[in-house]
Amino acid sequence: MQMIRKALKISLLGGGLLAMAGCATPIDSEPPIYMKHPIQISESIERLELYSRPDGMSLSARDSEAVAGFLSGYARFGDGPLHMNYPAQTNSGVLQTRSVVQNIMGQIGMGGAPIQEGQYQSMPNAPAPVVISYRRLKALPKNCGLTSNLSRTYNNQPWREFGCSQSANLAAMVQDYRQFLEPYPMGSPDMRRRMTVYDKYIKGESPASQLPPNQSITATEDQ
């Protein structure tokens, strides 16, 4: 009789476990953070407007520093030529803008940078600037607003915005966004160093570099 009761309990317990397993809903694992909150790279246009007087083009020390900073950004992040668009209604100041910009480019070591010129329609006798622009890449981090309940952890899964701040901070810290698209090119190998390593391997010696005579490494145990 006791054996029958034990067998009945075991069968009821097994049936309950099977019923619970049948009611349980499988939960998909969460994708990696870089797939949930990717860093989007897009092309942006940086532009600078230079207004001139009818009698000529002259920049103050502050304006010259601003133009030099803009051109330095082009040297660092620019993709393609530097564009200079002139208004249709030109004067002596507009015509002097190119020489002024080229002079500043020569001072910061950009004398050979390509310049593509163009023209746009402007109203007669209306102030119209010379527009300097270039293309560059920029990161578009996601908006990490909290929209889910952090206390809902019944299914042992992270909340929807988990990892978003990490992705946004990485996009804000990296300046050259081409690093997200392709790795840096490898430099040329040092053939002299390579042959030195091969020779030491053949001789059975250690290929490691020698430490300077004034450099020593010691390790002590705490008593």
N, C-alpha and C. Protein backbone atom coordinates (compact mmCIF):
# COMPACT_ATOMS: atom_id res chain seq x y z
N MET A 1 0.84 -1.21 0.00
CA MET A 1 0.00 0.00 0.00
C MET A 1 0.87 1.26 0.00
N GLN A 2 1.93 1.22 0.83
CA GLN A 2 2.83 2.36 0.86
C GLN A 2 3.53 2.55 -0.47
N MET A 3 3.88 1.46 -1.13
CA MET A 3 4.54 1.56 -2.43
C MET A 3 3.61 2.19 -3.45
N ILE A 4 2.30 1.85 -3.36
CA ILE A 4 1.32 2.44 -4.29
C ILE A 4 1.19 3.93 -4.06
N ARG A 5 1.19 4.35 -2.75
CA ARG A 5 1.08 5.78 -2.45
C ARG A 5 2.31 6.54 -2.95
N LYS A 6 3.50 5.97 -2.75
CA LYS A 6 4.72 6.63 -3.24
C LYS A 6 4.71 6.76 -4.75
N ALA A 7 4.27 5.71 -5.43
CA ALA A 7 4.22 5.77 -6.89
C ALA A 7 3.21 6.81 -7.35
N LEU A 8 2.06 6.92 -6.61
CA LEU A 8 1.04 7.91 -6.97
C LEU A 8 1.58 9.33 -6.76
N LYS A 9 2.32 9.56 -5.65
CA LYS A 9 2.89 10.88 -5.41
C LYS A 9 3.91 11.25 -6.48
N ILE A 10 4.74 10.27 -6.85
CA ILE A 10 5.74 10.53 -7.88
C ILE A 10 5.08 10.88 -9.21
N SER A 11 4.02 10.14 -9.55
CA SER A 11 3.34 10.40 -10.81
C SER A 11 2.66 11.75 -10.81
N LEU A 12 2.04 12.11 -9.67
CA LEU A 12 1.39 13.43 -9.58
C LEU A 12 2.42 14.56 -9.65
N LEU A 13 3.59 14.37 -8.98
CA LEU A 13 4.64 15.38 -9.02
C LEU A 13 5.20 15.55 -10.43
N GLY A 14 5.42 14.42 -11.11
CA GLY A 14 5.91 14.51 -12.48
C GLY A 14 4.91 15.16 -13.40
N GLY A 15 3.61 14.86 -13.22
CA GLY A 15 2.60 15.51 -14.05
C GLY A 15 2.53 16.99 -13.81
N GLY A 16 2.69 17.41 -12.52
CA GLY A 16 2.69 18.84 -12.23
C GLY A 16 3.86 19.56 -12.87
N LEU A 17 5.04 18.94 -12.81
CA LEU A 17 6.21 19.56 -13.44
C LEU A 17 6.04 19.67 -14.94
N LEU A 18 5.46 18.63 -15.54
CA LEU A 18 5.22 18.70 -16.99
C LEU A 18 4.23 19.79 -17.34
N ALA A 19 3.20 19.95 -16.50
CA ALA A 19 2.21 21.00 -16.75
C ALA A 19 2.84 22.38 -16.62
N MET A 20 3.69 22.56 -15.60
CA MET A 20 4.36 23.84 -15.44
C MET A 20 5.32 24.12 -16.59
N ALA A 21 6.02 23.08 -17.04
CA ALA A 21 6.93 23.27 -18.18
C ALA A 21 6.17 23.61 -19.44
N GLY A 22 4.96 23.04 -19.60
CA GLY A 22 4.17 23.34 -20.78
C GLY A 22 3.63 24.76 -20.77
N CYS A 23 3.36 25.31 -19.56
CA CYS A 23 2.84 26.68 -19.46
C CYS A 23 3.93 27.72 -19.54
N ALA A 24 5.17 27.35 -19.29
CA ALA A 24 6.25 28.34 -19.29
C ALA A 24 6.52 28.82 -20.71
N THR A 25 6.71 30.12 -20.85
CA THR A 25 6.99 30.73 -22.15
C THR A 25 8.48 30.94 -22.29
N PRO A 26 9.10 30.43 -23.34
CA PRO A 26 10.55 30.63 -23.50
C PRO A 26 10.87 32.11 -23.75
N ILE A 27 11.97 32.57 -23.19
CA ILE A 27 12.39 33.96 -23.30
C ILE A 27 13.67 34.00 -24.13
N ASP A 28 13.66 34.79 -25.17
CA ASP A 28 14.84 34.94 -26.00
C ASP A 28 15.92 35.70 -25.24
N SER A 29 17.16 35.31 -25.47
CA SER A 29 18.27 36.01 -24.82
C SER A 29 18.44 37.40 -25.44
N GLU A 30 18.93 38.33 -24.63
CA GLU A 30 19.11 39.69 -25.08
C GLU A 30 20.30 39.78 -26.03
N PRO A 31 20.21 40.59 -27.10
CA PRO A 31 21.36 40.76 -28.00
C PRO A 31 22.45 41.59 -27.33
N PRO A 32 23.65 41.59 -27.87
CA PRO A 32 24.73 42.42 -27.29
C PRO A 32 24.36 43.90 -27.30
N ILE A 33 25.07 44.67 -26.44
CA ILE A 33 24.75 46.09 -26.30
C ILE A 33 24.97 46.84 -27.61
N TYR A 34 26.04 46.50 -28.34
CA TYR A 34 26.32 47.23 -29.57
C TYR A 34 25.27 46.97 -30.65
N MET A 35 24.47 45.91 -30.49
CA MET A 35 23.38 45.66 -31.42
C MET A 35 22.08 46.30 -30.95
N LYS A 36 21.89 46.39 -29.63
CA LYS A 36 20.69 47.03 -29.11
C LYS A 36 20.76 48.55 -29.25
N HIS A 37 21.93 49.11 -29.00
CA HIS A 37 22.10 50.57 -29.05
C HIS A 37 23.29 50.90 -29.94
N PRO A 38 23.16 50.76 -31.22
CA PRO A 38 24.30 51.00 -32.11
C PRO A 38 24.63 52.49 -32.21
N ILE A 39 25.88 52.78 -32.53
CA ILE A 39 26.33 54.14 -32.78
C ILE A 39 26.18 54.41 -34.27
N GLN A 40 25.32 55.34 -34.61
CA GLN A 40 25.07 55.65 -36.01
C GLN A 40 26.03 56.74 -36.48
N ILE A 41 26.65 56.51 -37.62
CA ILE A 41 27.58 57.46 -38.23
C ILE A 41 26.91 58.06 -39.46
N SER A 42 26.89 59.38 -39.54
CA SER A 42 26.27 60.06 -40.68
C SER A 42 27.19 61.16 -41.17
N GLU A 43 26.95 61.60 -42.38
CA GLU A 43 27.75 62.67 -42.98
C GLU A 43 27.14 64.01 -42.63
N SER A 44 27.98 64.96 -42.25
CA SER A 44 27.55 66.28 -41.86
C SER A 44 28.32 67.33 -42.66
N ILE A 45 27.73 68.51 -42.78
CA ILE A 45 28.35 69.63 -43.49
C ILE A 45 28.70 70.71 -42.46
N GLU A 46 29.99 70.99 -42.34
CA GLU A 46 30.45 72.09 -41.50
C GLU A 46 30.62 73.32 -42.39
N ARG A 47 30.09 74.46 -41.94
CA ARG A 47 30.15 75.66 -42.78
C ARG A 47 30.51 76.88 -41.95
N LEU A 48 31.15 77.82 -42.63
CA LEU A 48 31.56 79.09 -42.03
C LEU A 48 31.23 80.20 -43.01
N GLU A 49 30.60 81.26 -42.53
CA GLU A 49 30.20 82.39 -43.37
C GLU A 49 31.09 83.59 -43.06
N LEU A 50 31.69 84.15 -44.13
CA LEU A 50 32.56 85.31 -44.00
C LEU A 50 31.93 86.49 -44.74
N TYR A 51 31.61 87.53 -43.99
CA TYR A 51 31.05 88.74 -44.58
C TYR A 51 32.17 89.75 -44.79
N SER A 52 32.13 90.44 -45.90
CA SER A 52 33.16 91.42 -46.24
C SER A 52 32.54 92.79 -46.48
N ARG A 53 33.36 93.81 -46.38
CA ARG A 53 32.92 95.16 -46.71
C ARG A 53 33.09 95.40 -48.19
N PRO A 54 32.35 96.34 -48.77
CA PRO A 54 32.50 96.59 -50.21
C PRO A 54 33.90 97.04 -50.61
N ASP A 55 34.62 97.68 -49.69
CA ASP A 55 35.94 98.20 -50.06
C ASP A 55 37.06 97.20 -49.83
N GLY A 56 36.78 96.07 -49.24
CA GLY A 56 37.84 95.08 -49.04
C GLY A 56 37.47 94.08 -47.96
N MET A 57 38.37 93.10 -47.78
CA MET A 57 38.18 92.02 -46.81
C MET A 57 39.28 92.09 -45.77
N SER A 58 38.91 92.28 -44.53
CA SER A 58 39.89 92.31 -43.44
C SER A 58 39.28 91.61 -42.23
N LEU A 59 40.09 90.82 -41.57
CA LEU A 59 39.64 90.07 -40.41
C LEU A 59 40.35 90.57 -39.16
N SER A 60 39.62 90.64 -38.08
CA SER A 60 40.23 90.96 -36.80
C SER A 60 41.00 89.76 -36.28
N ALA A 61 41.76 89.97 -35.20
CA ALA A 61 42.53 88.86 -34.63
C ALA A 61 41.60 87.75 -34.17
N ARG A 62 40.44 88.11 -33.61
CA ARG A 62 39.49 87.09 -33.16
C ARG A 62 38.90 86.34 -34.34
N ASP A 63 38.55 87.06 -35.41
CA ASP A 63 37.99 86.39 -36.59
C ASP A 63 39.03 85.50 -37.26
N SER A 64 40.27 85.96 -37.32
CA SER A 64 41.33 85.14 -37.92
C SER A 64 41.53 83.85 -37.12
N GLU A 65 41.44 83.94 -35.80
CA GLU A 65 41.57 82.74 -34.97
C GLU A 65 40.40 81.78 -35.20
N ALA A 66 39.19 82.33 -35.39
CA ALA A 66 38.03 81.47 -35.65
C ALA A 66 38.17 80.77 -36.99
N VAL A 67 38.65 81.49 -38.01
CA VAL A 67 38.84 80.87 -39.32
C VAL A 67 39.93 79.81 -39.25
N ALA A 68 41.02 80.08 -38.53
CA ALA A 68 42.08 79.09 -38.38
C ALA A 68 41.58 77.83 -37.66
N GLY A 69 40.72 78.01 -36.64
CA GLY A 69 40.16 76.86 -35.96
C GLY A 69 39.25 76.04 -36.87
N PHE A 70 38.46 76.73 -37.71
CA PHE A 70 37.59 76.03 -38.65
C PHE A 70 38.42 75.23 -39.66
N LEU A 71 39.49 75.84 -40.19
CA LEU A 71 40.33 75.16 -41.16
C LEU A 71 41.11 74.02 -40.52
N SER A 72 41.48 74.16 -39.25
CA SER A 72 42.14 73.05 -38.56
C SER A 72 41.20 71.86 -38.40
N GLY A 73 39.90 72.16 -38.15
CA GLY A 73 38.92 71.08 -38.11
C GLY A 73 38.80 70.38 -39.45
N TYR A 74 38.89 71.15 -40.54
CA TYR A 74 38.87 70.52 -41.86
C TYR A 74 40.09 69.63 -42.08
N ALA A 75 41.27 70.11 -41.63
CA ALA A 75 42.48 69.30 -41.79
C ALA A 75 42.39 68.00 -41.01
N ARG A 76 41.67 68.00 -39.90
CA ARG A 76 41.61 66.81 -39.05
C ARG A 76 40.47 65.88 -39.42
N PHE A 77 39.31 66.45 -39.73
CA PHE A 77 38.13 65.62 -39.94
C PHE A 77 37.57 65.68 -41.35
N GLY A 78 38.05 66.60 -42.17
CA GLY A 78 37.44 66.83 -43.48
C GLY A 78 37.55 65.65 -44.41
N ASP A 79 36.53 65.47 -45.21
CA ASP A 79 36.50 64.40 -46.22
C ASP A 79 36.23 65.05 -47.58
N GLY A 80 37.23 65.09 -48.43
CA GLY A 80 37.07 65.74 -49.71
C GLY A 80 37.65 67.15 -49.72
N PRO A 81 37.36 67.92 -50.76
CA PRO A 81 37.94 69.26 -50.87
C PRO A 81 37.24 70.27 -49.96
N LEU A 82 37.88 71.42 -49.82
CA LEU A 82 37.28 72.55 -49.11
C LEU A 82 36.48 73.36 -50.13
N HIS A 83 35.21 73.62 -49.82
CA HIS A 83 34.32 74.33 -50.75
C HIS A 83 34.23 75.80 -50.36
N MET A 84 34.34 76.67 -51.38
CA MET A 84 34.17 78.11 -51.20
C MET A 84 33.14 78.59 -52.22
N ASN A 85 31.99 79.03 -51.74
CA ASN A 85 30.90 79.50 -52.60
C ASN A 85 30.76 81.01 -52.44
N TYR A 86 30.85 81.70 -53.57
CA TYR A 86 30.78 83.15 -53.59
C TYR A 86 29.38 83.60 -54.01
N PRO A 87 28.93 84.75 -53.52
CA PRO A 87 27.64 85.28 -53.99
C PRO A 87 27.75 85.78 -55.42
N ALA A 88 26.61 85.80 -56.10
CA ALA A 88 26.61 86.24 -57.50
C ALA A 88 26.99 87.72 -57.61
N GLN A 89 26.58 88.52 -56.64
CA GLN A 89 26.92 89.94 -56.63
C GLN A 89 28.25 90.11 -55.89
N THR A 90 29.34 90.19 -56.61
CA THR A 90 30.66 90.26 -56.01
C THR A 90 31.14 91.70 -55.88
N ASN A 91 32.10 91.88 -54.99
CA ASN A 91 32.78 93.17 -54.84
C ASN A 91 34.24 92.89 -54.51
N SER A 92 34.97 93.94 -54.26
CA SER A 92 36.40 93.75 -54.00
C SER A 92 36.65 92.93 -52.73
N GLY A 93 35.77 93.06 -51.73
CA GLY A 93 35.92 92.28 -50.52
C GLY A 93 35.72 90.80 -50.75
N VAL A 94 34.73 90.46 -51.56
CA VAL A 94 34.48 89.05 -51.88
C VAL A 94 35.66 88.46 -52.64
N LEU A 95 36.22 89.24 -53.55
CA LEU A 95 37.34 88.73 -54.35
C LEU A 95 38.60 88.54 -53.50
N GLN A 96 38.73 89.27 -52.42
CA GLN A 96 39.90 89.14 -51.55
C GLN A 96 39.77 87.99 -50.56
N THR A 97 38.57 87.42 -50.43
CA THR A 97 38.36 86.37 -49.43
C THR A 97 39.23 85.16 -49.70
N ARG A 98 39.37 84.77 -50.96
CA ARG A 98 40.15 83.59 -51.29
C ARG A 98 41.60 83.75 -50.85
N SER A 99 42.20 84.91 -51.15
CA SER A 99 43.59 85.13 -50.76
C SER A 99 43.75 85.16 -49.24
N VAL A 100 42.75 85.74 -48.54
CA VAL A 100 42.82 85.77 -47.08
C VAL A 100 42.76 84.35 -46.52
N VAL A 101 41.85 83.54 -47.03
CA VAL A 101 41.72 82.16 -46.55
C VAL A 101 42.97 81.35 -46.89
N GLN A 102 43.50 81.52 -48.09
CA GLN A 102 44.71 80.79 -48.47
C GLN A 102 45.90 81.20 -47.61
N ASN A 103 45.95 82.47 -47.23
CA ASN A 103 47.04 82.93 -46.37
C ASN A 103 46.97 82.25 -45.01
N ILE A 104 45.77 82.14 -44.45
CA ILE A 104 45.61 81.47 -43.16
C ILE A 104 45.92 79.99 -43.29
N MET A 105 45.52 79.38 -44.39
CA MET A 105 45.82 77.96 -44.60
C MET A 105 47.31 77.73 -44.68
N GLY A 106 48.05 78.64 -45.32
CA GLY A 106 49.50 78.51 -45.39
C GLY A 106 50.16 78.66 -44.03
N GLN A 107 49.59 79.51 -43.16
CA GLN A 107 50.16 79.71 -41.82
C GLN A 107 50.00 78.48 -40.93
N ILE A 108 48.95 77.68 -41.15
CA ILE A 108 48.73 76.50 -40.31
C ILE A 108 49.16 75.21 -41.03
N GLY A 109 49.92 75.35 -42.13
CA GLY A 109 50.46 74.18 -42.82
C GLY A 109 49.50 73.48 -43.75
N MET A 110 48.53 74.21 -44.32
CA MET A 110 47.56 73.60 -45.24
C MET A 110 47.61 74.25 -46.61
N GLY A 111 48.81 74.69 -47.00
CA GLY A 111 48.92 75.40 -48.27
C GLY A 111 48.51 74.60 -49.49
N GLY A 112 48.68 73.29 -49.44
CA GLY A 112 48.37 72.46 -50.61
C GLY A 112 47.01 71.81 -50.57
N ALA A 113 46.12 72.22 -49.66
CA ALA A 113 44.79 71.60 -49.57
C ALA A 113 43.95 72.00 -50.78
N PRO A 114 43.17 71.06 -51.34
CA PRO A 114 42.35 71.37 -52.51
C PRO A 114 41.16 72.26 -52.15
N ILE A 115 40.86 73.22 -53.03
CA ILE A 115 39.74 74.14 -52.84
C ILE A 115 38.85 74.05 -54.07
N GLN A 116 37.57 73.83 -53.85
CA GLN A 116 36.59 73.78 -54.93
C GLN A 116 35.69 75.01 -54.82
N GLU A 117 35.67 75.82 -55.86
CA GLU A 117 34.94 77.07 -55.84
C GLU A 117 33.60 76.94 -56.56
N GLY A 118 32.65 77.76 -56.13
CA GLY A 118 31.32 77.78 -56.74
C GLY A 118 30.67 79.14 -56.53
N GLN A 119 29.45 79.26 -56.97
CA GLN A 119 28.71 80.52 -56.87
C GLN A 119 27.25 80.22 -56.58
N TYR A 120 26.61 81.10 -55.82
CA TYR A 120 25.19 80.94 -55.53
C TYR A 120 24.49 82.27 -55.78
N GLN A 121 23.19 82.20 -55.99
CA GLN A 121 22.40 83.39 -56.28
C GLN A 121 22.22 84.23 -55.02
N SER A 122 22.33 85.54 -55.20
CA SER A 122 22.17 86.47 -54.08
C SER A 122 21.39 87.69 -54.56
N MET A 123 20.75 88.37 -53.60
CA MET A 123 19.98 89.56 -53.93
C MET A 123 20.92 90.74 -54.17
N PRO A 124 20.62 91.59 -55.15
CA PRO A 124 21.46 92.78 -55.40
C PRO A 124 21.44 93.72 -54.20
N ASN A 125 22.61 94.25 -53.88
CA ASN A 125 22.79 95.23 -52.80
C ASN A 125 22.40 94.67 -51.42
N ALA A 126 22.35 93.38 -51.30
CA ALA A 126 22.05 92.73 -50.01
C ALA A 126 23.32 92.06 -49.49
N PRO A 127 23.56 92.13 -48.18
CA PRO A 127 24.77 91.48 -47.64
C PRO A 127 24.72 89.96 -47.87
N ALA A 128 25.75 89.46 -48.48
CA ALA A 128 25.83 88.02 -48.78
C ALA A 128 27.23 87.54 -48.43
N PRO A 129 27.35 86.46 -47.68
CA PRO A 129 28.67 86.00 -47.25
C PRO A 129 29.33 85.07 -48.26
N VAL A 130 30.61 84.88 -48.07
CA VAL A 130 31.34 83.80 -48.74
C VAL A 130 31.24 82.58 -47.83
N VAL A 131 30.67 81.51 -48.34
CA VAL A 131 30.40 80.32 -47.53
C VAL A 131 31.54 79.31 -47.74
N ILE A 132 32.20 78.97 -46.66
CA ILE A 132 33.25 77.96 -46.68
C ILE A 132 32.71 76.72 -45.97
N SER A 133 32.85 75.57 -46.59
CA SER A 133 32.26 74.36 -46.02
C SER A 133 33.10 73.15 -46.39
N TYR A 134 32.88 72.08 -45.63
CA TYR A 134 33.50 70.80 -45.92
C TYR A 134 32.63 69.70 -45.33
N ARG A 135 32.82 68.50 -45.82
CA ARG A 135 32.08 67.33 -45.34
C ARG A 135 32.89 66.57 -44.31
N ARG A 136 32.19 66.03 -43.33
CA ARG A 136 32.84 65.23 -42.30
C ARG A 136 31.84 64.21 -41.77
N LEU A 137 32.36 63.27 -41.01
CA LEU A 137 31.52 62.26 -40.38
C LEU A 137 31.26 62.65 -38.93
N LYS A 138 30.05 62.35 -38.46
CA LYS A 138 29.66 62.63 -37.09
C LYS A 138 28.90 61.44 -36.53
N ALA A 139 28.98 61.27 -35.23
CA ALA A 139 28.25 60.20 -34.56
C ALA A 139 26.92 60.74 -34.05
N LEU A 140 25.91 59.90 -34.12
CA LEU A 140 24.57 60.25 -33.64
C LEU A 140 24.20 59.30 -32.52
N PRO A 141 24.56 59.64 -31.28
CA PRO A 141 24.21 58.74 -30.16
C PRO A 141 22.71 58.73 -29.93
N LYS A 142 22.22 57.62 -29.41
CA LYS A 142 20.79 57.48 -29.14
C LYS A 142 20.38 58.31 -27.93
N ASN A 143 19.12 58.68 -27.91
CA ASN A 143 18.55 59.34 -26.75
C ASN A 143 18.23 58.30 -25.69
N CYS A 144 18.90 58.38 -24.56
CA CYS A 144 18.79 57.35 -23.53
C CYS A 144 17.75 57.71 -22.48
N GLY A 145 16.57 58.11 -22.89
CA GLY A 145 15.51 58.37 -21.93
C GLY A 145 14.97 57.08 -21.35
N LEU A 146 14.68 57.08 -20.07
CA LEU A 146 14.20 55.88 -19.38
C LEU A 146 12.70 55.73 -19.62
N THR A 147 12.32 54.66 -20.29
CA THR A 147 10.91 54.43 -20.61
C THR A 147 10.37 53.13 -20.05
N SER A 148 11.18 52.36 -19.36
CA SER A 148 10.73 51.08 -18.82
C SER A 148 10.89 51.06 -17.30
N ASN A 149 10.22 50.12 -16.66
CA ASN A 149 10.22 49.99 -15.22
C ASN A 149 11.41 49.14 -14.78
N LEU A 150 12.31 49.73 -13.97
CA LEU A 150 13.49 49.00 -13.54
C LEU A 150 13.17 47.89 -12.55
N SER A 151 12.02 47.95 -11.91
CA SER A 151 11.68 46.94 -10.90
C SER A 151 11.08 45.68 -11.51
N ARG A 152 10.83 45.67 -12.79
CA ARG A 152 10.24 44.48 -13.42
C ARG A 152 11.36 43.52 -13.81
N THR A 153 11.80 42.75 -12.83
CA THR A 153 12.88 41.80 -13.05
C THR A 153 12.40 40.37 -12.86
N TYR A 154 11.11 40.12 -13.05
CA TYR A 154 10.59 38.77 -12.82
C TYR A 154 11.12 37.76 -13.83
N ASN A 155 11.48 38.23 -15.02
CA ASN A 155 11.97 37.29 -16.04
C ASN A 155 13.49 37.30 -16.14
N ASN A 156 14.16 37.97 -15.19
CA ASN A 156 15.62 37.95 -15.12
C ASN A 156 16.26 38.48 -16.40
N GLN A 157 15.67 39.52 -16.99
CA GLN A 157 16.20 40.15 -18.18
C GLN A 157 16.45 41.64 -17.90
N PRO A 158 17.47 42.24 -18.51
CA PRO A 158 17.72 43.66 -18.28
C PRO A 158 16.63 44.52 -18.89
N TRP A 159 16.51 45.74 -18.39
CA TRP A 159 15.50 46.63 -18.93
C TRP A 159 15.88 47.11 -20.32
N ARG A 160 14.94 47.75 -20.97
CA ARG A 160 15.10 48.07 -22.39
C ARG A 160 16.27 49.01 -22.66
N GLU A 161 16.56 49.96 -21.76
CA GLU A 161 17.60 50.95 -22.00
C GLU A 161 18.97 50.54 -21.45
N PHE A 162 19.10 49.30 -21.02
CA PHE A 162 20.37 48.85 -20.46
C PHE A 162 21.48 48.94 -21.51
N GLY A 163 22.57 49.66 -21.19
CA GLY A 163 23.70 49.80 -22.09
C GLY A 163 23.63 51.00 -23.01
N CYS A 164 22.52 51.74 -22.98
CA CYS A 164 22.38 52.89 -23.88
C CYS A 164 23.37 53.99 -23.50
N SER A 165 23.55 54.26 -22.22
CA SER A 165 24.47 55.31 -21.78
C SER A 165 25.90 54.99 -22.16
N GLN A 166 26.28 53.72 -22.08
CA GLN A 166 27.63 53.34 -22.48
C GLN A 166 27.86 53.64 -23.95
N SER A 167 26.89 53.33 -24.79
CA SER A 167 27.02 53.60 -26.22
C SER A 167 27.08 55.10 -26.50
N ALA A 168 26.24 55.87 -25.80
CA ALA A 168 26.23 57.33 -26.01
C ALA A 168 27.53 57.97 -25.55
N ASN A 169 28.07 57.52 -24.41
CA ASN A 169 29.33 58.07 -23.93
C ASN A 169 30.49 57.74 -24.85
N LEU A 170 30.50 56.54 -25.41
CA LEU A 170 31.56 56.17 -26.35
C LEU A 170 31.49 57.04 -27.60
N ALA A 171 30.28 57.31 -28.09
CA ALA A 171 30.13 58.16 -29.27
C ALA A 171 30.57 59.59 -28.98
N ALA A 172 30.40 60.04 -27.74
CA ALA A 172 30.80 61.41 -27.39
C ALA A 172 32.31 61.52 -27.19
N MET A 173 32.98 60.45 -26.77
CA MET A 173 34.41 60.52 -26.48
C MET A 173 35.27 60.36 -27.72
N VAL A 174 34.85 59.56 -28.68
CA VAL A 174 35.67 59.31 -29.86
C VAL A 174 35.55 60.49 -30.81
N GLN A 175 36.67 61.09 -31.19
CA GLN A 175 36.66 62.24 -32.07
C GLN A 175 36.72 61.85 -33.54
N ASP A 176 37.57 60.90 -33.88
CA ASP A 176 37.67 60.46 -35.27
C ASP A 176 36.72 59.29 -35.47
N TYR A 177 35.54 59.55 -36.02
CA TYR A 177 34.50 58.53 -36.12
C TYR A 177 34.78 57.51 -37.21
N ARG A 178 35.83 57.72 -37.98
CA ARG A 178 36.21 56.69 -38.95
C ARG A 178 36.71 55.43 -38.25
N GLN A 179 37.06 55.55 -36.96
CA GLN A 179 37.48 54.36 -36.21
C GLN A 179 36.34 53.36 -36.07
N PHE A 180 35.09 53.82 -36.10
CA PHE A 180 33.95 52.91 -36.02
C PHE A 180 33.70 52.19 -37.34
N LEU A 181 34.23 52.71 -38.42
CA LEU A 181 33.95 52.14 -39.74
C LEU A 181 35.05 51.22 -40.23
N GLU A 182 36.29 51.54 -39.92
CA GLU A 182 37.40 50.72 -40.38
C GLU A 182 38.58 50.89 -39.43
N PRO A 183 39.41 49.89 -39.28
CA PRO A 183 40.57 50.01 -38.37
C PRO A 183 41.65 50.88 -38.99
N TYR A 184 42.55 51.33 -38.14
CA TYR A 184 43.70 52.09 -38.62
C TYR A 184 44.57 51.19 -39.49
N PRO A 185 45.16 51.73 -40.56
CA PRO A 185 46.04 50.89 -41.39
C PRO A 185 47.31 50.52 -40.62
N MET A 186 47.81 49.35 -40.90
CA MET A 186 49.03 48.88 -40.25
C MET A 186 50.24 49.55 -40.89
N GLY A 187 51.21 49.86 -40.07
CA GLY A 187 52.44 50.45 -40.57
C GLY A 187 53.34 49.41 -41.20
N SER A 188 54.34 49.88 -41.90
CA SER A 188 55.27 48.97 -42.56
C SER A 188 56.14 48.28 -41.53
N PRO A 189 56.42 46.99 -41.70
CA PRO A 189 57.23 46.26 -40.71
C PRO A 189 58.69 46.70 -40.75
N ASP A 190 59.35 46.55 -39.62
CA ASP A 190 60.77 46.85 -39.50
C ASP A 190 61.55 45.59 -39.89
N MET A 191 62.12 45.59 -41.08
CA MET A 191 62.80 44.40 -41.58
C MET A 191 64.07 44.10 -40.76
N ARG A 192 64.73 45.16 -40.28
CA ARG A 192 65.95 44.92 -39.48
C ARG A 192 65.60 44.22 -38.18
N ARG A 193 64.51 44.66 -37.54
CA ARG A 193 64.09 44.03 -36.29
C ARG A 193 63.62 42.60 -36.55
N ARG A 194 62.94 42.37 -37.68
CA ARG A 194 62.47 41.02 -38.00
C ARG A 194 63.63 40.06 -38.18
N MET A 195 64.69 40.48 -38.89
CA MET A 195 65.84 39.60 -39.10
C MET A 195 66.57 39.34 -37.78
N THR A 196 66.59 40.34 -36.89
CA THR A 196 67.22 40.12 -35.59
C THR A 196 66.48 39.04 -34.80
N VAL A 197 65.14 39.09 -34.84
CA VAL A 197 64.34 38.09 -34.14
C VAL A 197 64.56 36.71 -34.75
N TYR A 198 64.58 36.61 -36.08
CA TYR A 198 64.82 35.32 -36.74
C TYR A 198 66.18 34.74 -36.35
N ASP A 199 67.20 35.60 -36.34
CA ASP A 199 68.53 35.10 -35.99
C ASP A 199 68.57 34.57 -34.57
N LYS A 200 67.90 35.23 -33.63
CA LYS A 200 67.90 34.76 -32.24
C LYS A 200 67.12 33.46 -32.10
N TYR A 201 66.02 33.32 -32.88
CA TYR A 201 65.28 32.05 -32.86
C TYR A 201 66.17 30.91 -33.35
N ILE A 202 66.91 31.16 -34.40
CA ILE A 202 67.78 30.10 -34.95
C ILE A 202 68.85 29.71 -33.94
N LYS A 203 69.38 30.70 -33.23
CA LYS A 203 70.43 30.42 -32.25
C LYS A 203 69.88 29.92 -30.93
N GLY A 204 68.57 29.90 -30.77
CA GLY A 204 67.98 29.46 -29.51
C GLY A 204 68.02 30.50 -28.42
N GLU A 205 68.18 31.77 -28.78
CA GLU A 205 68.23 32.84 -27.80
C GLU A 205 66.87 33.50 -27.67
N SER A 206 66.69 34.26 -26.60
CA SER A 206 65.44 34.97 -26.39
C SER A 206 65.37 36.18 -27.33
N PRO A 207 64.25 36.35 -28.07
CA PRO A 207 64.14 37.49 -28.97
C PRO A 207 63.73 38.78 -28.27
N ALA A 208 63.55 38.74 -26.95
CA ALA A 208 63.11 39.94 -26.23
C ALA A 208 64.20 41.00 -26.25
N SER A 209 63.77 42.25 -26.22
CA SER A 209 64.72 43.35 -26.17
C SER A 209 65.39 43.42 -24.80
N GLN A 210 66.61 43.92 -24.79
CA GLN A 210 67.34 44.05 -23.55
C GLN A 210 66.87 45.27 -22.77
N LEU A 211 66.79 45.11 -21.45
CA LEU A 211 66.41 46.22 -20.60
C LEU A 211 67.56 47.22 -20.49
N PRO A 212 67.24 48.50 -20.39
CA PRO A 212 68.32 49.49 -20.17
C PRO A 212 69.05 49.19 -18.87
N PRO A 213 70.33 49.56 -18.78
CA PRO A 213 71.11 49.22 -17.56
C PRO A 213 70.57 49.88 -16.31
N ASN A 214 69.91 51.01 -16.42
CA ASN A 214 69.41 51.71 -15.24
C ASN A 214 67.98 51.30 -14.88
N GLN A 215 67.43 50.31 -15.56
CA GLN A 215 66.07 49.87 -15.28
C GLN A 215 66.10 48.47 -14.69
N SER A 216 65.48 48.29 -13.55
CA SER A 216 65.45 46.99 -12.88
C SER A 216 64.06 46.76 -12.31
N ILE A 217 63.66 45.49 -12.25
CA ILE A 217 62.35 45.11 -11.73
C ILE A 217 62.57 44.18 -10.55
N THR A 218 62.00 44.53 -9.43
CA THR A 218 62.11 43.70 -8.24
C THR A 218 60.72 43.45 -7.67
N ALA A 219 60.56 42.32 -7.00
CA ALA A 219 59.28 41.98 -6.37
C ALA A 219 59.57 41.48 -4.97
N THR A 220 58.84 42.00 -4.03
CA THR A 220 59.02 41.61 -2.63
C THR A 220 57.69 41.15 -2.07
N GLU A 221 57.76 40.28 -1.08
CA GLU A 221 56.56 39.79 -0.40
C GLU A 221 56.32 40.62 0.83
N ASP A 222 55.02 40.91 1.04
CA ASP A 222 54.64 41.63 2.26
C ASP A 222 54.77 40.70 3.46
N GLN A 223 55.44 41.18 4.47
CA GLN A 223 55.63 40.37 5.67
C GLN A 223 54.41 40.51 6.59
